[in-house]
Amino acid sequence: MAFNIALHILSAVIWVGGMFFAHQALRPAAVQVLEPPLRLELWVQVFRRFFVWVWLSISLLLITGYWMLFSWFGGFAGAPLYVHLMQGGGLIMVCVYLFVFFVPYRGLKQSVIVQDYPKAGAYLNVIRRLVGFNTLLGLLVITTAAAGRYL
């Protein structure tokens, strides 16, 4: 059980912490220092690397989370409210990520390849808003997971 909890927590920290860093530190610095063409190319490379970790994190979160749900709580019926809230929030986050990965990220990459920087900027703006939403939701999910049983 300890190993599963550790993997679960580390996966959440990597995903949510990475989004927080990108949204709150990297983005403002990139806007301040880089012109749009370089900034957009930077984001394609950043996402290319980070999204590998997000896929791994999501896989581990789902595997360890459902393993704990069924082995520790005996399934959905035995799980307390905070576990249901954590699962629901996590599934919304996964859906948002899947949309980001398959729609605006794909459009961002293609627009940068053909050097259509205004269109790439529009895709990046959609990603920025969705990552901001997912970061806030992720912080709420982590707070629910950590403090839920004490509320």
C-alpha atoms as a PDB file:
ATOM      1  CA  MET A   1       0.000   0.000   0.000  1.00  0.00           C
ATOM      2  CA  ALA A   2       2.804   2.449   0.859  1.00  0.00           C
ATOM      3  CA  PHE A   3       4.370   1.995  -2.572  1.00  0.00           C
ATOM      4  CA  ASN A   4       1.054   2.696  -4.336  1.00  0.00           C
ATOM      5  CA  ILE A   5       0.410   5.804  -2.245  1.00  0.00           C
ATOM      6  CA  ALA A   6       3.930   7.063  -2.940  1.00  0.00           C
ATOM      7  CA  LEU A   7       3.537   6.535  -6.704  1.00  0.00           C
ATOM      8  CA  HIS A   8       0.121   8.165  -6.609  1.00  0.00           C
ATOM      9  CA  ILE A   9       1.364  11.253  -4.768  1.00  0.00           C
ATOM     10  CA  LEU A  10       4.525  11.586  -6.865  1.00  0.00           C
ATOM     11  CA  SER A  11       2.489  11.366 -10.069  1.00  0.00           C
ATOM     12  CA  ALA A  12       0.141  14.113  -8.876  1.00  0.00           C
ATOM     13  CA  VAL A  13       3.048  16.316  -7.800  1.00  0.00           C
ATOM     14  CA  ILE A  14       4.816  15.916 -11.151  1.00  0.00           C
ATOM     15  CA  TRP A  15       1.683  16.737 -13.153  1.00  0.00           C
ATOM     16  CA  VAL A  16       0.229  19.557 -11.058  1.00  0.00           C
ATOM     17  CA  GLY A  17       3.615  20.959 -10.057  1.00  0.00           C
ATOM     18  CA  GLY A  18       4.717  21.005 -13.685  1.00  0.00           C
ATOM     19  CA  MET A  19       1.586  22.891 -14.700  1.00  0.00           C
ATOM     20  CA  PHE A  20       2.014  25.366 -11.843  1.00  0.00           C
ATOM     21  CA  PHE A  21       5.651  26.015 -12.800  1.00  0.00           C
ATOM     22  CA  ALA A  22       4.836  26.405 -16.498  1.00  0.00           C
ATOM     23  CA  HIS A  23       1.863  28.700 -15.907  1.00  0.00           C
ATOM     24  CA  GLN A  24       3.222  30.846 -13.082  1.00  0.00           C
ATOM     25  CA  ALA A  25       6.970  31.007 -13.780  1.00  0.00           C
ATOM     26  CA  LEU A  26       7.984  29.862 -17.264  1.00  0.00           C
ATOM     27  CA  ARG A  27       5.180  31.595 -19.194  1.00  0.00           C
ATOM     28  CA  PRO A  28       5.711  35.082 -17.722  1.00  0.00           C
ATOM     29  CA  ALA A  29       9.491  34.782 -18.140  1.00  0.00           C
ATOM     30  CA  ALA A  30       9.153  33.606 -21.756  1.00  0.00           C
ATOM     31  CA  VAL A  31       6.788  36.511 -22.545  1.00  0.00           C
ATOM     32  CA  GLN A  32       9.254  38.966 -21.047  1.00  0.00           C
ATOM     33  CA  VAL A  33      12.386  37.622 -22.753  1.00  0.00           C
ATOM     34  CA  LEU A  34      11.428  35.998 -26.068  1.00  0.00           C
ATOM     35  CA  GLU A  35       9.834  37.291 -29.242  1.00  0.00           C
ATOM     36  CA  PRO A  36       6.706  35.375 -30.349  1.00  0.00           C
ATOM     37  CA  PRO A  37       8.358  33.057 -32.915  1.00  0.00           C
ATOM     38  CA  LEU A  38      11.001  31.847 -30.448  1.00  0.00           C
ATOM     39  CA  ARG A  39       8.516  31.749 -27.571  1.00  0.00           C
ATOM     40  CA  LEU A  40       6.120  29.583 -29.582  1.00  0.00           C
ATOM     41  CA  GLU A  41       8.894  27.232 -30.629  1.00  0.00           C
ATOM     42  CA  LEU A  42      10.027  27.038 -26.993  1.00  0.00           C
ATOM     43  CA  TRP A  43       6.514  26.008 -25.921  1.00  0.00           C
ATOM     44  CA  VAL A  44       6.339  23.252 -28.530  1.00  0.00           C
ATOM     45  CA  GLN A  45       9.600  21.825 -27.151  1.00  0.00           C
ATOM     46  CA  VAL A  46       8.539  22.271 -23.515  1.00  0.00           C
ATOM     47  CA  PHE A  47       5.206  20.547 -24.104  1.00  0.00           C
ATOM     48  CA  ARG A  48       6.841  17.769 -26.118  1.00  0.00           C
ATOM     49  CA  ARG A  49       8.975  16.885 -23.084  1.00  0.00           C
ATOM     50  CA  PHE A  50       6.435  17.610 -20.339  1.00  0.00           C
ATOM     51  CA  PHE A  51       3.577  15.722 -21.965  1.00  0.00           C
ATOM     52  CA  VAL A  52       5.571  12.469 -21.802  1.00  0.00           C
ATOM     53  CA  TRP A  53       5.612  12.928 -18.027  1.00  0.00           C
ATOM     54  CA  VAL A  54       1.918  13.795 -17.985  1.00  0.00           C
ATOM     55  CA  TRP A  55       1.013  10.579 -19.845  1.00  0.00           C
ATOM     56  CA  LEU A  56       3.100   8.592 -17.350  1.00  0.00           C
ATOM     57  CA  SER A  57       1.580  10.467 -14.410  1.00  0.00           C
ATOM     58  CA  ILE A  58      -1.989   9.943 -15.614  1.00  0.00           C
ATOM     59  CA  SER A  59      -1.340   6.235 -16.155  1.00  0.00           C
ATOM     60  CA  LEU A  60       0.122   5.816 -12.676  1.00  0.00           C
ATOM     61  CA  LEU A  61      -2.607   7.929 -11.059  1.00  0.00           C
ATOM     62  CA  LEU A  62      -5.354   5.830 -12.618  1.00  0.00           C
ATOM     63  CA  ILE A  63      -3.672   2.481 -11.904  1.00  0.00           C
ATOM     64  CA  THR A  64      -2.713   3.259  -8.314  1.00  0.00           C
ATOM     65  CA  GLY A  65      -5.916   5.175  -7.591  1.00  0.00           C
ATOM     66  CA  TYR A  66      -8.263   2.438  -8.721  1.00  0.00           C
ATOM     67  CA  TRP A  67      -6.093  -0.227  -7.121  1.00  0.00           C
ATOM     68  CA  MET A  68      -6.410   1.592  -3.772  1.00  0.00           C
ATOM     69  CA  LEU A  69     -10.121   2.245  -4.306  1.00  0.00           C
ATOM     70  CA  PHE A  70     -10.890  -1.443  -4.790  1.00  0.00           C
ATOM     71  CA  SER A  71      -8.329  -2.988  -2.449  1.00  0.00           C
ATOM     72  CA  TRP A  72      -8.584  -0.525   0.443  1.00  0.00           C
ATOM     73  CA  PHE A  73     -12.184   0.693   0.294  1.00  0.00           C
ATOM     74  CA  GLY A  74     -13.701  -2.350  -1.397  1.00  0.00           C
ATOM     75  CA  GLY A  75     -14.976  -0.302  -4.337  1.00  0.00           C
ATOM     76  CA  PHE A  76     -17.029   2.817  -4.853  1.00  0.00           C
ATOM     77  CA  ALA A  77     -19.670   1.964  -2.229  1.00  0.00           C
ATOM     78  CA  GLY A  78     -17.092   1.805   0.559  1.00  0.00           C
ATOM     79  CA  ALA A  79     -15.211   4.955  -0.399  1.00  0.00           C
ATOM     80  CA  PRO A  80     -15.770   8.157   1.561  1.00  0.00           C
ATOM     81  CA  LEU A  81     -16.955  11.372  -0.111  1.00  0.00           C
ATOM     82  CA  TYR A  82     -13.463  12.868  -0.395  1.00  0.00           C
ATOM     83  CA  VAL A  83     -12.329   9.875  -2.487  1.00  0.00           C
ATOM     84  CA  HIS A  84     -15.262  10.363  -4.867  1.00  0.00           C
ATOM     85  CA  LEU A  85     -14.445  14.095  -5.114  1.00  0.00           C
ATOM     86  CA  MET A  86     -10.786  13.307  -5.755  1.00  0.00           C
ATOM     87  CA  GLN A  87     -11.692  10.808  -8.461  1.00  0.00           C
ATOM     88  CA  GLY A  88     -14.211  13.128 -10.112  1.00  0.00           C
ATOM     89  CA  GLY A  89     -11.798  16.056 -10.130  1.00  0.00           C
ATOM     90  CA  GLY A  90      -9.012  13.837 -11.435  1.00  0.00           C
ATOM     91  CA  LEU A  91     -11.159  12.528 -14.287  1.00  0.00           C
ATOM     92  CA  ILE A  92     -12.113  16.081 -15.282  1.00  0.00           C
ATOM     93  CA  MET A  93      -8.398  16.940 -15.300  1.00  0.00           C
ATOM     94  CA  VAL A  94      -7.658  13.961 -17.542  1.00  0.00           C
ATOM     95  CA  CYS A  95     -10.411  15.025 -19.974  1.00  0.00           C
ATOM     96  CA  VAL A  96      -9.053  18.583 -20.086  1.00  0.00           C
ATOM     97  CA  TYR A  97      -5.553  17.238 -20.710  1.00  0.00           C
ATOM     98  CA  LEU A  98      -6.748  14.937 -23.506  1.00  0.00           C
ATOM     99  CA  PHE A  99      -8.444  17.882 -25.198  1.00  0.00           C
ATOM    100  CA  VAL A 100      -5.297  20.026 -24.821  1.00  0.00           C
ATOM    101  CA  PHE A 101      -3.081  17.278 -26.203  1.00  0.00           C
ATOM    102  CA  PHE A 102      -5.233  16.303 -29.177  1.00  0.00           C
ATOM    103  CA  VAL A 103      -6.613  19.687 -30.251  1.00  0.00           C
ATOM    104  CA  PRO A 104      -4.768  22.918 -29.395  1.00  0.00           C
ATOM    105  CA  TYR A 105      -1.339  21.316 -28.860  1.00  0.00           C
ATOM    106  CA  ARG A 106      -1.595  19.557 -32.220  1.00  0.00           C
ATOM    107  CA  GLY A 107      -2.655  22.857 -33.817  1.00  0.00           C
ATOM    108  CA  LEU A 108       0.189  24.707 -32.079  1.00  0.00           C
ATOM    109  CA  LYS A 109       2.778  22.272 -33.412  1.00  0.00           C
ATOM    110  CA  GLN A 110       1.420  22.432 -36.960  1.00  0.00           C
ATOM    111  CA  SER A 111       1.160  26.228 -36.907  1.00  0.00           C
ATOM    112  CA  VAL A 112       4.762  26.572 -35.706  1.00  0.00           C
ATOM    113  CA  ILE A 113       5.973  24.193 -38.439  1.00  0.00           C
ATOM    114  CA  VAL A 114       4.362  26.342 -41.156  1.00  0.00           C
ATOM    115  CA  GLN A 115       5.355  29.537 -39.289  1.00  0.00           C
ATOM    116  CA  ASP A 116       1.795  30.779 -38.884  1.00  0.00           C
ATOM    117  CA  TYR A 117       2.635  32.493 -35.602  1.00  0.00           C
ATOM    118  CA  PRO A 118      -0.665  34.359 -35.069  1.00  0.00           C
ATOM    119  CA  LYS A 119      -2.554  31.063 -35.325  1.00  0.00           C
ATOM    120  CA  ALA A 120       0.043  29.347 -33.105  1.00  0.00           C
ATOM    121  CA  GLY A 121      -0.391  32.147 -30.559  1.00  0.00           C
ATOM    122  CA  ALA A 122      -4.139  31.586 -30.547  1.00  0.00           C
ATOM    123  CA  TYR A 123      -3.627  27.870 -29.868  1.00  0.00           C
ATOM    124  CA  LEU A 124      -1.141  28.666 -27.109  1.00  0.00           C
ATOM    125  CA  ASN A 125      -3.659  31.025 -25.521  1.00  0.00           C
ATOM    126  CA  VAL A 126      -6.249  28.220 -25.411  1.00  0.00           C
ATOM    127  CA  ILE A 127      -3.649  25.923 -23.838  1.00  0.00           C
ATOM    128  CA  ARG A 128      -2.732  28.627 -21.290  1.00  0.00           C
ATOM    129  CA  ARG A 129      -6.341  29.022 -20.150  1.00  0.00           C
ATOM    130  CA  LEU A 130      -6.934  25.267 -19.916  1.00  0.00           C
ATOM    131  CA  VAL A 131      -3.661  24.673 -18.068  1.00  0.00           C
ATOM    132  CA  GLY A 132      -4.639  27.460 -15.650  1.00  0.00           C
ATOM    133  CA  PHE A 133      -7.988  25.750 -15.052  1.00  0.00           C
ATOM    134  CA  ASN A 134      -6.352  22.329 -14.660  1.00  0.00           C
ATOM    135  CA  THR A 135      -3.773  23.736 -12.252  1.00  0.00           C
ATOM    136  CA  LEU A 136      -6.467  25.187  -9.998  1.00  0.00           C
ATOM    137  CA  LEU A 137      -8.486  21.991 -10.188  1.00  0.00           C
ATOM    138  CA  GLY A 138      -5.351  19.934  -9.482  1.00  0.00           C
ATOM    139  CA  LEU A 139      -4.573  22.005  -6.388  1.00  0.00           C
ATOM    140  CA  LEU A 140      -8.150  21.453  -5.182  1.00  0.00           C
ATOM    141  CA  VAL A 141      -7.893  17.710  -5.844  1.00  0.00           C
ATOM    142  CA  ILE A 142      -4.585  17.492  -3.961  1.00  0.00           C
ATOM    143  CA  THR A 143      -6.050  19.479  -1.048  1.00  0.00           C
ATOM    144  CA  THR A 144      -9.094  17.203  -1.009  1.00  0.00           C
ATOM    145  CA  ALA A 145      -6.870  14.129  -1.034  1.00  0.00           C
ATOM    146  CA  ALA A 146      -4.640  15.408   1.746  1.00  0.00           C
ATOM    147  CA  ALA A 147      -7.268  16.912   4.053  1.00  0.00           C
ATOM    148  CA  GLY A 148     -10.468  15.159   2.998  1.00  0.00           C
ATOM    149  CA  ARG A 149     -10.566  12.540   5.688  1.00  0.00           C
ATOM    150  CA  TYR A 150     -10.181  15.243   8.348  1.00  0.00           C
ATOM    151  CA  LEU A 151     -13.060  17.430   7.145  1.00  0.00           C
END
